[in-house]
């Protein structure tokens, strides 16, 4: 396997940027292409939640990849911030996960006891700072004091700066078409054609559009998430999850409420139905919640694979990589995804999960057909 050369990264979200940064630091000449402004989609519109605990699909392959990546965040973000000169604050306010349904709480406890890698405990009563704002119900409340969150916009700004400092060439604002050229690739974009030894497709739900002409059917599902930002609903920096689904997250003195999960929706638009659904669900926690008071609302499209495990690895050995399908965990998985991509191109990847994350694995959804 080659250890240096040229790599074309298609996709400028947090996965593409983190990969480009790591590959450039490893000695590769990297060009990153994105048809729009950098990180203009789901990466910049995420909740910025970093949680280690067992989640709804924690028993699926690749779970430990997720938790190991979160453990890398403090040191990785420090390094990125040092290179770019733009800090990435990690707010360590912890998380309160609240259940009003006893059966779901018991299932949650069983998963925590089997798989949780972080500190947690069940509380006997409502925390004092939430006592006057959360609905009076017979809640079961689980506290995770180590959980963190961040502002994705700041993280992406810092990562872009680190990419530039490390020598990545960032090309935004023009569609790039990927074509085979001998043993490598030609990327045709506004301003000319560029040759690369390896292509990395990291374009989120739009990865399939890039790969389709090459004969690969990715079968990624687009899942729209709608989010609202309101004046602060409660004091402090802690997060609140309702049954590990919808959430409230502090964001610069305000409260972010999210998110819907609308499968098959490709339009990054806010809808009355989506906000009504979000308001109805989170009113269980915050009585009288009124999303018409939101200072800002937005939506992002997240890529989900058929088995809900990311596509990370070679589609064509030694020449075509994919890193997509991270669904709601792109920010969480970015540091380890970048590290593994460097190991893949250098031929040193040996992680046990790589077989589980391989885009060609049974059930992943990738299928090779005759190129158009």
Protein backbone atom coordinates (compact mmCIF):
# COMPACT_ATOMS: atom_id res chain seq x y z
CA UNK A 1 0.00 0.00 0.00
CA UNK A 2 1.26 3.50 -0.87
CA UNK A 3 2.18 5.77 2.01
CA UNK A 4 2.16 9.08 0.10
CA UNK A 5 0.45 10.47 -2.98
CA UNK A 6 -2.61 12.51 -3.85
CA UNK A 7 -6.09 12.08 -2.39
CA UNK A 8 -9.31 13.74 -3.52
CA UNK A 9 -11.88 14.12 -0.75
CA UNK A 10 -15.43 14.71 -1.94
CA UNK A 11 -17.53 16.23 0.82
CA UNK A 12 -16.82 19.16 3.14
CA UNK A 13 -18.73 18.23 6.29
CA UNK A 14 -17.03 17.22 9.51
CA UNK A 15 -16.15 13.74 8.21
CA UNK A 16 -14.56 15.09 5.03
CA UNK A 17 -12.73 17.88 6.83
CA UNK A 18 -11.43 15.70 9.65
CA UNK A 19 -10.27 13.09 7.14
CA UNK A 20 -8.56 15.67 4.93
CA UNK A 21 -6.78 17.16 7.94
CA UNK A 22 -5.52 13.78 9.18
CA UNK A 23 -4.44 12.58 5.73
CA UNK A 24 -2.56 15.82 5.05
CA UNK A 25 -0.75 15.55 8.37
CA UNK A 26 0.19 11.99 7.40
CA UNK A 27 2.00 13.28 4.31
CA UNK A 28 -0.63 13.04 1.58
CA UNK A 29 -1.40 15.86 -0.83
CA UNK A 30 -5.10 16.45 -0.27
CA UNK A 31 -7.70 18.40 -2.25
CA UNK A 32 -11.19 18.64 -0.80
CA UNK A 33 -14.17 19.40 -3.05
CA UNK A 34 -17.64 20.52 -2.04
CA UNK A 35 -20.30 22.03 -4.32
CA UNK A 36 -21.41 24.44 -1.61
CA UNK A 37 -19.94 26.44 1.23
CA UNK A 38 -17.98 24.40 3.75
CA UNK A 39 -20.12 22.34 6.14
CA UNK A 40 -23.35 23.96 4.98
CA UNK A 41 -25.50 20.94 5.77
CA UNK A 42 -26.04 18.55 8.70
CA UNK A 43 -22.60 18.94 10.30
CA UNK A 44 -23.19 22.61 11.07
CA UNK A 45 -26.82 22.00 12.02
CA UNK A 46 -26.31 19.23 14.56
CA UNK A 47 -26.98 19.27 18.28
CA UNK A 48 -23.29 18.84 19.06
CA UNK A 49 -23.94 16.08 21.59
CA UNK A 50 -21.08 13.80 22.71
CA UNK A 51 -22.47 10.96 24.82
CA UNK A 52 -20.66 7.74 25.74
CA UNK A 53 -23.60 5.78 27.11
CA UNK A 54 -25.48 2.88 25.57
CA UNK A 55 -28.09 4.12 23.10
CA UNK A 56 -31.09 2.58 21.37
CA UNK A 57 -28.96 0.61 18.91
CA UNK A 58 -25.99 -0.08 21.16
CA UNK A 59 -26.04 -3.84 20.50
CA UNK A 60 -25.26 -3.35 16.82
CA UNK A 61 -21.71 -3.80 15.45
CA UNK A 62 -19.45 -0.77 15.58
CA UNK A 63 -20.70 0.48 18.96
CA UNK A 64 -17.25 0.46 20.56
CA UNK A 65 -15.94 2.43 17.57
CA UNK A 66 -18.39 5.17 18.55
CA UNK A 67 -17.43 5.27 22.21
CA UNK A 68 -13.69 5.18 21.47
CA UNK A 69 -14.09 8.11 19.11
CA UNK A 70 -15.80 10.21 21.77
CA UNK A 71 -12.95 9.43 24.15
CA UNK A 72 -10.59 10.98 21.58
CA UNK A 73 -12.49 14.27 21.41
CA UNK A 74 -10.75 16.26 24.20
CA UNK A 75 -7.21 15.67 22.89
CA UNK A 76 -8.21 15.79 19.21
CA UNK A 77 -10.07 19.09 19.61
CA UNK A 78 -7.15 20.55 21.57
CA UNK A 79 -4.78 19.65 18.73
CA UNK A 80 -7.09 21.07 16.05
CA UNK A 81 -7.58 24.27 18.04
CA UNK A 82 -3.83 24.63 18.57
CA UNK A 83 -3.20 24.37 14.83
CA UNK A 84 -5.99 26.69 13.76
CA UNK A 85 -5.88 29.20 16.62
CA UNK A 86 -9.67 28.78 17.03
CA UNK A 87 -10.80 27.17 20.28
CA UNK A 88 -13.39 24.39 20.47
CA UNK A 89 -15.04 24.62 23.91
CA UNK A 90 -16.38 21.31 25.22
CA UNK A 91 -19.17 21.97 27.71
CA UNK A 92 -19.00 19.28 30.37
CA UNK A 93 -22.40 19.87 31.97
CA UNK A 94 -23.47 16.25 32.01
CA UNK A 95 -26.80 14.84 30.88
CA UNK A 96 -30.12 13.91 32.52
CA UNK A 97 -32.01 11.17 30.72
CA UNK A 98 -35.68 11.14 31.78
CA UNK A 99 -38.25 8.37 31.43
CA UNK A 100 -41.96 8.56 32.16
CA UNK A 101 -42.52 5.00 30.90
CA UNK A 102 -41.29 2.40 33.41
CA UNK A 103 -40.89 -0.39 30.83
CA UNK A 104 -38.61 1.71 28.62
CA UNK A 105 -36.62 2.76 31.67
CA UNK A 106 -36.04 -0.88 32.64
CA UNK A 107 -34.83 -1.70 29.13
CA UNK A 108 -32.53 1.30 29.29
CA UNK A 109 -31.10 0.16 32.65
CA UNK A 110 -30.38 -3.33 31.32
CA UNK A 111 -28.41 -1.87 28.42
CA UNK A 112 -26.52 0.46 30.72
CA UNK A 113 -25.58 -2.41 33.01
CA UNK A 114 -24.38 -4.50 30.07
CA UNK A 115 -22.60 -1.92 27.94
CA UNK A 116 -22.25 1.60 29.33
CA UNK A 117 -18.65 2.85 29.32
CA UNK A 118 -19.36 5.99 31.36
CA UNK A 119 -20.33 6.91 34.88
CA UNK A 120 -24.06 7.01 35.65
CA UNK A 121 -26.59 6.71 38.45
CA UNK A 122 -30.33 6.83 38.91
CA UNK A 123 -31.52 9.83 40.92
CA UNK A 124 -34.07 9.65 43.70
CA UNK A 125 -35.43 13.15 42.99
CA UNK A 126 -35.41 15.95 40.46
CA UNK A 127 -32.19 18.06 40.46
CA UNK A 128 -32.72 21.39 42.16
CA UNK A 129 -31.94 23.51 39.08
CA UNK A 130 -34.65 21.68 37.09
CA UNK A 131 -37.25 21.45 39.84
CA UNK A 132 -39.27 24.50 38.79
CA UNK A 133 -39.09 24.04 35.00
CA UNK A 134 -39.63 20.32 34.36
CA UNK A 135 -43.11 18.77 34.46
CA UNK A 136 -44.19 17.15 37.71
CA UNK A 137 -44.38 13.47 36.83
CA UNK A 138 -43.21 10.20 38.38
CA UNK A 139 -39.98 10.43 36.40
CA UNK A 140 -37.14 7.96 36.42
CA UNK A 141 -34.05 10.12 35.98
CA UNK A 142 -30.57 8.90 35.04
CA UNK A 143 -27.61 11.22 35.44
CA UNK A 144 -24.46 10.99 33.29
CA UNK A 145 -22.02 13.54 34.73
CA UNK A 146 -19.27 13.01 32.13
CA UNK A 147 -21.30 13.73 29.00
CA UNK A 148 -20.29 16.71 26.85
CA UNK A 149 -21.62 18.94 24.12
CA UNK A 150 -20.17 21.57 21.78
CA UNK A 151 -21.03 24.15 19.15
CA UNK A 152 -20.60 22.39 15.78
CA UNK A 153 -20.13 25.70 13.99
CA UNK A 154 -17.06 26.54 16.08
CA UNK A 155 -15.68 23.02 15.66
CA UNK A 156 -16.02 23.23 11.88
CA UNK A 157 -14.46 26.69 11.72
CA UNK A 158 -11.49 25.43 13.73
CA UNK A 159 -11.18 22.31 11.60
CA UNK A 160 -11.19 24.32 8.37
CA UNK A 161 -8.40 26.48 9.74
CA UNK A 162 -6.39 23.40 10.73
CA UNK A 163 -6.88 21.94 7.24
CA UNK A 164 -5.49 25.07 5.63
CA UNK A 165 -2.53 25.16 8.03
CA UNK A 166 -1.72 21.53 7.23
CA UNK A 167 -1.73 22.15 3.48
CA UNK A 168 -5.17 20.90 2.40
CA UNK A 169 -6.48 22.64 -0.72
CA UNK A 170 -10.15 23.47 -0.11
CA UNK A 171 -12.27 23.96 -3.22
CA UNK A 172 -15.83 25.09 -2.56
CA UNK A 173 -18.73 26.25 -4.65
CA UNK A 174 -18.51 23.99 -7.69
CA UNK A 175 -19.81 20.52 -8.43
CA UNK A 176 -17.06 17.89 -8.76
CA UNK A 177 -17.49 14.76 -10.91
CA UNK A 178 -15.37 11.71 -10.19
CA UNK A 179 -14.13 9.61 -13.13
CA UNK A 180 -11.71 6.69 -13.36
CA UNK A 181 -8.35 7.59 -14.90
CA UNK A 182 -6.05 4.60 -15.32
CA UNK A 183 -5.29 3.26 -11.86
CA UNK A 184 -6.39 6.51 -10.25
CA UNK A 185 -9.02 9.22 -10.59
CA UNK A 186 -9.84 12.43 -12.39
CA UNK A 187 -11.95 15.00 -10.60
CA UNK A 188 -13.62 17.44 -12.96
CA UNK A 189 -14.63 20.67 -11.28
CA UNK A 190 -14.92 24.33 -12.08
CA UNK A 191 -11.44 25.55 -12.83
CA UNK A 192 -10.12 22.36 -14.37
CA UNK A 193 -9.51 18.65 -13.94
CA UNK A 194 -7.46 17.21 -11.09
CA UNK A 195 -5.79 13.82 -10.85
CA UNK A 196 -5.64 11.74 -7.68
CA UNK A 197 -4.33 8.35 -6.67
CA UNK A 198 -7.15 7.74 -4.17
CA UNK A 199 -10.68 9.13 -3.94
CA UNK A 200 -12.52 9.41 -0.63
CA UNK A 201 -16.27 9.94 -0.85
CA UNK A 202 -17.53 11.56 2.36
CA UNK A 203 -20.55 13.48 1.13
CA UNK A 204 -23.12 12.33 3.67
CA UNK A 205 -26.48 11.40 2.10
CA UNK A 206 -25.24 12.72 -1.26
CA UNK A 207 -22.44 10.11 -1.40
CA UNK A 208 -24.71 7.91 -3.51
CA UNK A 209 -24.97 10.58 -6.23
CA UNK A 210 -21.18 10.62 -6.58
CA UNK A 211 -20.83 6.85 -6.58
CA UNK A 212 -23.77 6.01 -8.84
CA UNK A 213 -21.95 6.81 -12.15
CA UNK A 214 -19.07 4.58 -10.97
CA UNK A 215 -21.40 1.62 -10.65
CA UNK A 216 -21.96 1.68 -6.90
CA UNK A 217 -25.44 1.82 -5.39
CA UNK A 218 -25.08 3.07 -1.82
CA UNK A 219 -28.72 2.76 -0.71
CA UNK A 220 -28.38 5.48 1.88
CA UNK A 221 -31.52 6.86 3.47
CA UNK A 222 -31.92 10.58 4.00
CA UNK A 223 -33.32 11.47 7.43
CA UNK A 224 -34.34 15.06 8.05
CA UNK A 225 -33.90 16.49 11.52
CA UNK A 226 -35.63 19.74 12.50
CA UNK A 227 -34.30 21.80 15.41
CA UNK A 228 -35.37 24.95 17.25
CA UNK A 229 -33.31 27.38 19.34
CA UNK A 230 -35.14 29.20 22.14
CA UNK A 231 -34.38 31.55 25.02
CA UNK A 232 -32.93 29.49 27.87
CA UNK A 233 -35.48 27.08 29.34
CA UNK A 234 -33.41 26.20 32.41
CA UNK A 235 -30.15 27.28 34.08
CA UNK A 236 -26.79 25.57 33.76
CA UNK A 237 -24.93 23.61 31.08
CA UNK A 238 -26.54 20.19 31.45
CA UNK A 239 -28.34 18.40 28.64
CA UNK A 240 -31.75 16.74 28.99
CA UNK A 241 -32.86 13.74 26.97
CA UNK A 242 -36.42 12.46 26.85
CA UNK A 243 -36.16 8.66 26.80
CA UNK A 244 -32.86 8.98 24.94
CA UNK A 245 -34.65 10.46 21.94
CA UNK A 246 -35.49 14.16 21.74
CA UNK A 247 -33.23 16.50 23.67
CA UNK A 248 -32.59 19.93 25.13
CA UNK A 249 -29.02 21.22 24.84
CA UNK A 250 -27.49 24.49 26.11
CA UNK A 251 -26.10 26.68 23.34
CA UNK A 252 -24.58 30.08 24.18
CA UNK A 253 -27.15 31.04 26.80
CA UNK A 254 -30.08 29.58 24.89
CA UNK A 255 -31.66 26.12 24.68
CA UNK A 256 -31.61 23.97 21.57
CA UNK A 257 -34.60 21.60 21.18
CA UNK A 258 -34.27 18.70 18.73
CA UNK A 259 -34.70 16.72 16.71
CA UNK A 260 -37.21 15.09 14.42
CA UNK A 261 -36.27 11.95 12.46
CA UNK A 262 -38.10 12.10 9.13
CA UNK A 263 -36.98 9.26 6.87
CA UNK A 264 -36.89 9.88 3.14
CA UNK A 265 -37.05 13.68 3.37
CA UNK A 266 -34.41 15.37 1.20
CA UNK A 267 -35.55 18.97 1.61
CA UNK A 268 -33.69 20.94 4.29
CA UNK A 269 -36.81 22.87 5.16
CA UNK A 270 -38.70 23.59 8.35
CA UNK A 271 -42.28 22.38 8.38
CA UNK A 272 -45.22 23.18 10.63
CA UNK A 273 -45.83 19.45 11.12
CA UNK A 274 -42.22 18.84 12.15
CA UNK A 275 -42.15 21.65 14.69
CA UNK A 276 -45.54 20.58 16.04
CA UNK A 277 -44.22 17.04 16.51
CA UNK A 278 -41.13 18.35 18.30
CA UNK A 279 -43.17 20.65 20.51
CA UNK A 280 -45.63 17.91 21.41
CA UNK A 281 -42.89 15.48 22.41
CA UNK A 282 -40.80 17.89 24.47
CA UNK A 283 -43.85 19.45 26.16
CA UNK A 284 -43.83 16.25 28.21
CA UNK A 285 -40.69 17.65 29.83
CA UNK A 286 -41.32 21.40 29.54
CA UNK A 287 -45.03 22.21 30.07
CA UNK A 288 -46.25 25.02 27.84
CA UNK A 289 -43.31 24.75 25.47
CA UNK A 290 -43.94 27.13 22.57
CA UNK A 291 -41.66 26.77 19.56
CA UNK A 292 -43.15 29.89 17.98
CA UNK A 293 -40.87 31.71 20.45
CA UNK A 294 -37.82 30.20 18.75
CA UNK A 295 -35.07 32.65 17.89
CA UNK A 296 -34.02 30.36 15.06
CA UNK A 297 -35.12 27.09 13.44
CA UNK A 298 -33.29 24.89 10.95
CA UNK A 299 -33.15 21.42 9.44
CA UNK A 300 -30.37 19.07 8.35
CA UNK A 301 -30.28 15.86 6.31
CA UNK A 302 -28.48 12.96 7.96
CA UNK A 303 -27.29 9.82 6.11
CA UNK A 304 -28.52 6.49 7.50
CA UNK A 305 -27.37 3.09 6.28
CA UNK A 306 -29.63 0.07 5.99
CA UNK A 307 -28.20 -1.52 9.16
CA UNK A 308 -27.52 1.85 10.89
CA UNK A 309 -23.78 1.19 11.04
CA UNK A 310 -21.51 3.61 9.12
CA UNK A 311 -19.89 2.77 5.79
CA UNK A 312 -16.17 3.14 6.44
CA UNK A 313 -13.56 1.44 4.28
CA UNK A 314 -12.54 0.47 0.77
CA UNK A 315 -15.07 0.04 -2.01
CA UNK A 316 -12.25 -0.61 -4.45
CA UNK A 317 -9.09 -1.74 -2.71
CA UNK A 318 -6.31 0.83 -2.80
CA UNK A 319 -8.19 3.43 -4.80
CA UNK A 320 -11.77 4.19 -3.67
CA UNK A 321 -12.72 4.83 -0.04
CA UNK A 322 -16.05 5.77 1.47
CA UNK A 323 -16.83 7.34 4.85
CA UNK A 324 -20.53 7.98 5.14
CA UNK A 325 -23.72 6.81 6.85
CA UNK A 326 -22.77 8.08 10.31
CA UNK A 327 -26.43 9.14 10.73
CA UNK A 328 -26.72 11.28 13.89
CA UNK A 329 -23.16 10.55 15.06
CA UNK A 330 -20.92 12.18 12.47
CA UNK A 331 -19.51 14.69 14.94
CA UNK A 332 -19.03 12.01 17.60
CA UNK A 333 -17.25 9.63 15.21
CA UNK A 334 -15.11 12.18 13.34
CA UNK A 335 -11.81 11.79 15.27
CA UNK A 336 -11.62 8.00 15.03
CA UNK A 337 -12.96 7.96 11.46
CA UNK A 338 -10.11 10.24 10.42
CA UNK A 339 -7.55 8.10 12.24
CA UNK A 340 -8.82 4.88 10.65
CA UNK A 341 -8.78 6.40 7.16
CA UNK A 342 -5.08 7.21 7.60
CA UNK A 343 -4.50 3.62 8.70
CA UNK A 344 -6.44 2.29 5.71
CA UNK A 345 -4.44 4.22 3.11
CA UNK A 346 -1.16 3.30 4.81
CA UNK A 347 -2.14 -0.36 5.12
CA UNK A 348 -1.88 -0.47 8.91
CA UNK A 349 -5.58 -0.73 9.87
CA UNK A 350 -6.12 -3.68 12.18
CA UNK A 351 -9.13 -2.73 14.28
CA UNK A 352 -11.55 -5.56 14.87
CA UNK A 353 -14.50 -3.36 13.95
CA UNK A 354 -13.25 -2.76 10.41
CA UNK A 355 -15.08 -5.85 9.19
CA UNK A 356 -18.26 -4.57 10.83
CA UNK A 357 -17.81 -1.11 9.26
CA UNK A 358 -16.72 -2.35 5.82
CA UNK A 359 -19.12 -0.86 3.22
CA UNK A 360 -19.07 -4.19 1.34
CA UNK A 361 -20.29 -6.17 4.40
CA UNK A 362 -23.49 -8.21 4.05
CA UNK A 363 -26.48 -6.03 4.72
CA UNK A 364 -24.65 -2.71 4.34
CA UNK A 365 -26.54 -1.85 1.17
CA UNK A 366 -23.67 -1.32 -1.27
CA UNK A 367 -23.99 -3.10 -4.57
CA UNK A 368 -21.77 -2.95 -7.62
CA UNK A 369 -23.47 -2.84 -11.02
CA UNK A 370 -22.38 -1.85 -14.52
CA UNK A 371 -21.30 1.81 -14.60
CA UNK A 372 -23.53 4.16 -16.57
